[in-house]
Protein backbone atom coordinates (compact mmCIF):
# COMPACT_ATOMS: atom_id res chain seq x y z
CA MET A 1 4.99 -18.68 13.44
CA GLY A 2 4.10 -15.54 12.34
CA MET A 3 5.68 -12.11 12.59
CA SER A 4 5.84 -10.05 15.72
CA LYS A 5 3.96 -6.61 16.00
CA LYS A 6 7.35 -4.90 16.18
CA ASP A 7 8.44 -6.64 12.87
CA LEU A 8 5.04 -5.82 11.36
CA SER A 9 5.68 -2.27 11.84
CA ARG A 10 9.41 -2.05 11.02
CA ARG A 11 8.36 -3.61 7.66
CA LYS A 12 5.40 -1.14 7.09
CA ALA A 13 7.76 1.68 7.67
CA ASN A 14 10.79 0.59 5.44
CA ILE A 15 7.97 0.03 2.60
CA LYS A 16 6.99 3.56 3.61
CA ALA A 17 10.16 4.90 3.08
CA LYS A 18 11.11 3.21 -0.14
CA LEU A 19 7.86 4.21 -1.28
CA GLU A 20 8.70 7.86 -0.52
CA GLU A 21 12.19 7.78 -2.25
CA LEU A 22 10.77 6.40 -5.42
CA GLU A 23 7.79 8.76 -5.51
CA LYS A 24 10.12 11.49 -5.61
CA LYS A 25 12.09 9.69 -8.54
CA ALA A 26 8.91 9.47 -10.05
CA LYS A 27 8.21 12.81 -10.00
CA MET A 28 11.08 13.60 -12.16
CA ASP A 29 9.61 11.29 -14.87
CA PRO A 30 6.29 12.38 -15.71
CA LEU A 31 6.10 10.80 -19.03
CA LYS A 32 6.61 7.27 -17.14
CA LYS A 33 9.55 6.53 -19.43
CA ASN A 34 10.96 4.55 -16.80
CA ILE A 35 8.39 2.07 -16.65
CA PHE A 36 10.44 0.07 -14.06
CA LEU A 37 10.06 2.73 -11.58
CA HIS A 38 6.45 3.08 -11.68
CA GLU A 39 5.68 -0.95 -11.56
CA GLU A 40 7.78 -0.92 -8.46
CA ILE A 41 5.75 1.86 -6.88
CA ALA A 42 2.37 -0.04 -7.59
CA GLN A 43 3.87 -3.10 -6.18
CA LEU A 44 4.89 -1.38 -3.23
CA LYS A 45 1.45 0.27 -2.58
CA LYS A 46 0.24 -3.22 -3.04
CA LYS A 47 2.20 -4.57 0.01
CA LEU A 48 1.58 -2.00 1.92
CA GLU A 49 -2.31 -2.62 1.59
CA GLU A 50 -2.06 -5.93 2.24
CA ASN A 51 -0.08 -5.25 5.60
CA ASP A 52 -2.89 -3.35 6.75
């Protein structure tokens, strides 16, 4: 069975919230020394696009 609309919207909201939090941290790292942080942001953006 698939996910309900409520579950999908909740999942999307959680991804957006985490993405906002990570982007704030990424602003403090303009030289991209923390590669893991920037890779995780890219993955979350990809998941967000897939869910749309």
